[in-house]
């Protein structure tokens, strides 16, 4: 039993929002738990329910109803462009020390109907995000800026492996020249094998 429901019964007082709570649960379930309080409130209004938006937010919080955030998978691989680097990592995600194995990827995030793109670098030693860049478009500058920030933070990259998928960003000459300049070994997942980059996939999923 929810905390709010319990105390209404303990105090022996009627819940004036009892029917509204049931409607909220129905709307929330009907839309696969993806509706936040604003969309639930709009649906209630469309159904003829006159209620304040803040009340809906409070009721949903009391009932423990929180919308699920759905990750949109972004695929940066474009066409048959060949294999630039081998899968050196080979799913060996364990690192003995910091800055030994890094992983990167690009993901799309939808915020209030607007798309933006996140490009992070993760250290496999402890799961730390070394650097990241956010952009309105999945361009090359986003990825190179992320890499430059990481190398400025940790300039000693002589024995470092940086793993990614076969996205066009990572096959671009500019990106590869940056890796060579900092003596970073490039590793790439096999095409269509997301498990080859499981640590980063798991982070982006969370």
Protein backbone atom coordinates (compact mmCIF):
# COMPACT_ATOMS: atom_id res chain seq x y z
CA UNK A 1 0.00 0.00 0.00
CA UNK A 2 1.25 3.47 -0.84
CA UNK A 3 2.21 5.75 2.05
CA UNK A 4 -0.42 8.37 1.15
CA UNK A 5 -3.19 5.77 0.87
CA UNK A 6 -2.26 4.27 4.23
CA UNK A 7 -2.43 7.59 6.08
CA UNK A 8 -5.78 8.46 4.53
CA UNK A 9 -7.16 5.24 5.99
CA UNK A 10 -5.43 5.73 9.36
CA UNK A 11 -6.90 9.21 9.73
CA UNK A 12 -10.30 7.86 8.70
CA UNK A 13 -10.84 10.65 6.22
CA UNK A 14 -12.09 10.30 2.65
CA UNK A 15 -9.71 10.85 -0.23
CA UNK A 16 -11.29 13.45 -2.48
CA UNK A 17 -8.88 12.42 -5.25
CA UNK A 18 -9.72 8.71 -5.05
CA UNK A 19 -11.40 8.64 -8.49
CA UNK A 20 -8.70 10.86 -10.00
CA UNK A 21 -5.98 8.54 -8.69
CA UNK A 22 -7.68 5.60 -10.43
CA UNK A 23 -7.88 7.58 -13.68
CA UNK A 24 -4.22 8.52 -13.42
CA UNK A 25 -3.24 4.88 -12.92
CA UNK A 26 -5.34 3.90 -15.94
CA UNK A 27 -3.79 6.58 -18.19
CA UNK A 28 -0.28 5.78 -16.98
CA UNK A 29 -0.73 2.06 -17.62
CA UNK A 30 -2.52 2.59 -20.95
CA UNK A 31 0.45 4.53 -22.31
CA UNK A 32 3.02 1.97 -21.15
CA UNK A 33 4.31 4.11 -18.25
CA UNK A 34 5.78 6.70 -20.63
CA UNK A 35 3.54 9.64 -19.69
CA UNK A 36 4.83 12.25 -17.26
CA UNK A 37 2.51 14.42 -15.18
CA UNK A 38 2.04 17.02 -17.95
CA UNK A 39 0.74 14.52 -20.50
CA UNK A 40 -1.38 12.77 -17.86
CA UNK A 41 -2.84 16.16 -16.90
CA UNK A 42 -3.62 16.97 -20.55
CA UNK A 43 -5.31 13.59 -20.97
CA UNK A 44 -7.40 14.18 -17.84
CA UNK A 45 -8.46 17.59 -19.17
CA UNK A 46 -9.36 16.05 -22.53
CA UNK A 47 -11.56 13.61 -20.61
CA UNK A 48 -13.35 16.49 -18.88
CA UNK A 49 -11.48 16.36 -15.55
CA UNK A 50 -10.86 19.86 -14.15
CA UNK A 51 -7.73 19.66 -12.03
CA UNK A 52 -4.57 21.66 -11.43
CA UNK A 53 -1.37 20.47 -13.08
CA UNK A 54 0.56 20.64 -9.79
CA UNK A 55 -2.03 18.42 -8.12
CA UNK A 56 -1.51 15.77 -10.80
CA UNK A 57 2.24 15.96 -10.25
CA UNK A 58 1.77 15.52 -6.50
CA UNK A 59 -0.65 12.61 -6.87
CA UNK A 60 1.68 10.81 -9.28
CA UNK A 61 4.57 11.31 -6.88
CA UNK A 62 2.52 9.92 -3.99
CA UNK A 63 1.54 6.90 -6.09
CA UNK A 64 5.12 6.30 -7.20
CA UNK A 65 4.33 6.81 -10.90
CA UNK A 66 7.37 8.00 -12.79
CA UNK A 67 7.64 8.02 -16.57
CA UNK A 68 10.24 5.76 -18.14
CA UNK A 69 12.87 7.48 -20.23
CA UNK A 70 13.22 5.65 -23.54
CA UNK A 71 16.66 5.67 -25.09
CA UNK A 72 16.70 6.26 -28.83
CA UNK A 73 19.41 4.17 -30.49
CA UNK A 74 21.57 6.22 -32.82
CA UNK A 75 23.39 4.33 -35.55
CA UNK A 76 26.34 6.20 -37.00
CA UNK A 77 27.38 3.41 -39.37
CA UNK A 78 26.69 4.46 -42.96
CA UNK A 79 27.05 1.99 -45.80
CA UNK A 80 29.79 -0.48 -46.60
CA UNK A 81 32.86 1.62 -45.84
CA UNK A 82 35.18 -1.24 -44.93
CA UNK A 83 37.04 -2.16 -41.76
CA UNK A 84 39.40 0.54 -40.55
CA UNK A 85 40.64 -1.07 -37.31
CA UNK A 86 40.52 -4.60 -35.85
CA UNK A 87 38.65 -5.55 -32.68
CA UNK A 88 41.74 -5.41 -30.47
CA UNK A 89 39.66 -5.13 -27.28
CA UNK A 90 37.92 -8.46 -28.05
CA UNK A 91 35.44 -7.99 -25.17
CA UNK A 92 38.26 -7.86 -22.60
CA UNK A 93 36.64 -5.08 -20.60
CA UNK A 94 38.81 -5.48 -17.49
CA UNK A 95 41.58 -2.91 -17.10
CA UNK A 96 44.44 -3.17 -14.58
CA UNK A 97 44.92 0.56 -14.26
CA UNK A 98 43.40 3.91 -15.31
CA UNK A 99 43.80 5.15 -18.89
CA UNK A 100 44.52 1.70 -20.26
CA UNK A 101 41.22 1.02 -22.04
CA UNK A 102 38.70 3.67 -23.04
CA UNK A 103 35.38 3.24 -24.81
CA UNK A 104 33.23 5.69 -26.75
CA UNK A 105 29.95 5.92 -28.64
CA UNK A 106 27.31 8.43 -29.75
CA UNK A 107 23.72 8.35 -28.54
CA UNK A 108 20.64 10.39 -29.36
CA UNK A 109 18.59 11.94 -26.55
CA UNK A 110 15.13 13.47 -27.00
CA UNK A 111 14.33 16.35 -24.64
CA UNK A 112 10.91 17.98 -24.99
CA UNK A 113 10.70 16.95 -28.62
CA UNK A 114 14.17 18.23 -29.49
CA UNK A 115 16.99 15.89 -30.50
CA UNK A 116 20.48 16.26 -29.11
CA UNK A 117 23.51 13.99 -29.25
CA UNK A 118 25.85 12.86 -26.48
CA UNK A 119 29.38 11.63 -27.15
CA UNK A 120 31.23 10.38 -24.02
CA UNK A 121 34.48 8.53 -23.31
CA UNK A 122 34.37 5.92 -20.56
CA UNK A 123 37.39 4.49 -18.70
CA UNK A 124 36.93 0.73 -18.36
CA UNK A 125 39.05 0.69 -15.21
CA UNK A 126 36.34 2.25 -13.02
CA UNK A 127 33.49 3.34 -15.32
CA UNK A 128 34.44 7.02 -15.03
CA UNK A 129 33.41 9.37 -17.82
CA UNK A 130 36.70 10.94 -18.90
CA UNK A 131 35.16 13.57 -21.16
CA UNK A 132 32.03 14.21 -23.17
CA UNK A 133 30.50 16.56 -25.70
CA UNK A 134 26.86 17.44 -26.43
CA UNK A 135 25.71 18.72 -29.81
CA UNK A 136 22.51 19.55 -31.69
CA UNK A 137 23.72 17.39 -34.59
CA UNK A 138 25.85 14.20 -34.76
CA UNK A 139 28.75 15.94 -36.46
CA UNK A 140 32.47 15.19 -36.52
CA UNK A 141 33.36 18.20 -34.35
CA UNK A 142 31.43 16.69 -31.43
CA UNK A 143 33.62 13.56 -31.49
CA UNK A 144 36.95 15.33 -32.05
CA UNK A 145 36.19 17.88 -29.30
CA UNK A 146 35.44 15.03 -26.89
CA UNK A 147 38.75 13.34 -27.76
CA UNK A 148 40.78 16.55 -27.46
CA UNK A 149 39.30 17.23 -24.00
CA UNK A 150 40.19 13.70 -22.88
CA UNK A 151 43.78 14.04 -24.10
CA UNK A 152 44.16 17.42 -22.41
CA UNK A 153 42.95 15.89 -19.14
CA UNK A 154 45.19 12.82 -19.46
CA UNK A 155 48.09 13.57 -21.85
CA UNK A 156 49.91 10.27 -21.18
CA UNK A 157 48.13 8.01 -23.69
CA UNK A 158 51.07 5.96 -24.99
CA UNK A 159 49.60 2.53 -24.10
CA UNK A 160 45.94 3.40 -24.41
CA UNK A 161 43.30 1.51 -26.41
CA UNK A 162 40.23 3.49 -27.48
CA UNK A 163 37.35 1.25 -28.57
CA UNK A 164 34.28 2.25 -30.60
CA UNK A 165 31.84 0.87 -33.13
CA UNK A 166 32.33 1.33 -36.89
CA UNK A 167 30.53 4.68 -36.99
CA UNK A 168 31.58 7.12 -39.69
CA UNK A 169 33.02 9.51 -37.09
CA UNK A 170 35.59 6.94 -36.00
CA UNK A 171 36.51 6.07 -39.60
CA UNK A 172 37.12 9.70 -40.51
CA UNK A 173 40.69 10.71 -41.30
CA UNK A 174 40.61 13.66 -38.87
CA UNK A 175 39.65 11.42 -35.95
CA UNK A 176 42.28 8.83 -36.86
CA UNK A 177 44.98 11.49 -37.17
CA UNK A 178 44.13 12.66 -33.65
CA UNK A 179 44.54 9.12 -32.34
CA UNK A 180 47.92 8.76 -34.06
CA UNK A 181 49.09 12.13 -32.79
CA UNK A 182 48.46 10.97 -29.21
CA UNK A 183 49.75 7.43 -29.84
CA UNK A 184 46.35 5.89 -29.07
CA UNK A 185 45.60 2.43 -30.45
CA UNK A 186 42.23 2.27 -32.22
CA UNK A 187 39.93 -0.71 -31.70
CA UNK A 188 36.55 -1.25 -33.38
CA UNK A 189 33.58 -3.53 -32.79
CA UNK A 190 32.55 -5.90 -35.53
CA UNK A 191 29.64 -4.53 -37.54
CA UNK A 192 26.30 -5.30 -35.87
CA UNK A 193 27.88 -6.62 -32.66
CA UNK A 194 26.84 -4.19 -29.90
CA UNK A 195 28.16 -6.60 -27.25
CA UNK A 196 31.69 -5.81 -28.44
CA UNK A 197 31.18 -2.42 -26.78
CA UNK A 198 29.03 -3.66 -23.90
CA UNK A 199 30.37 -1.36 -21.17
CA UNK A 200 29.51 1.79 -23.09
CA UNK A 201 26.19 0.36 -24.28
CA UNK A 202 25.29 -0.39 -20.66
CA UNK A 203 26.20 3.15 -19.55
CA UNK A 204 24.14 4.74 -22.31
CA UNK A 205 21.24 2.40 -21.51
CA UNK A 206 21.26 3.63 -17.92
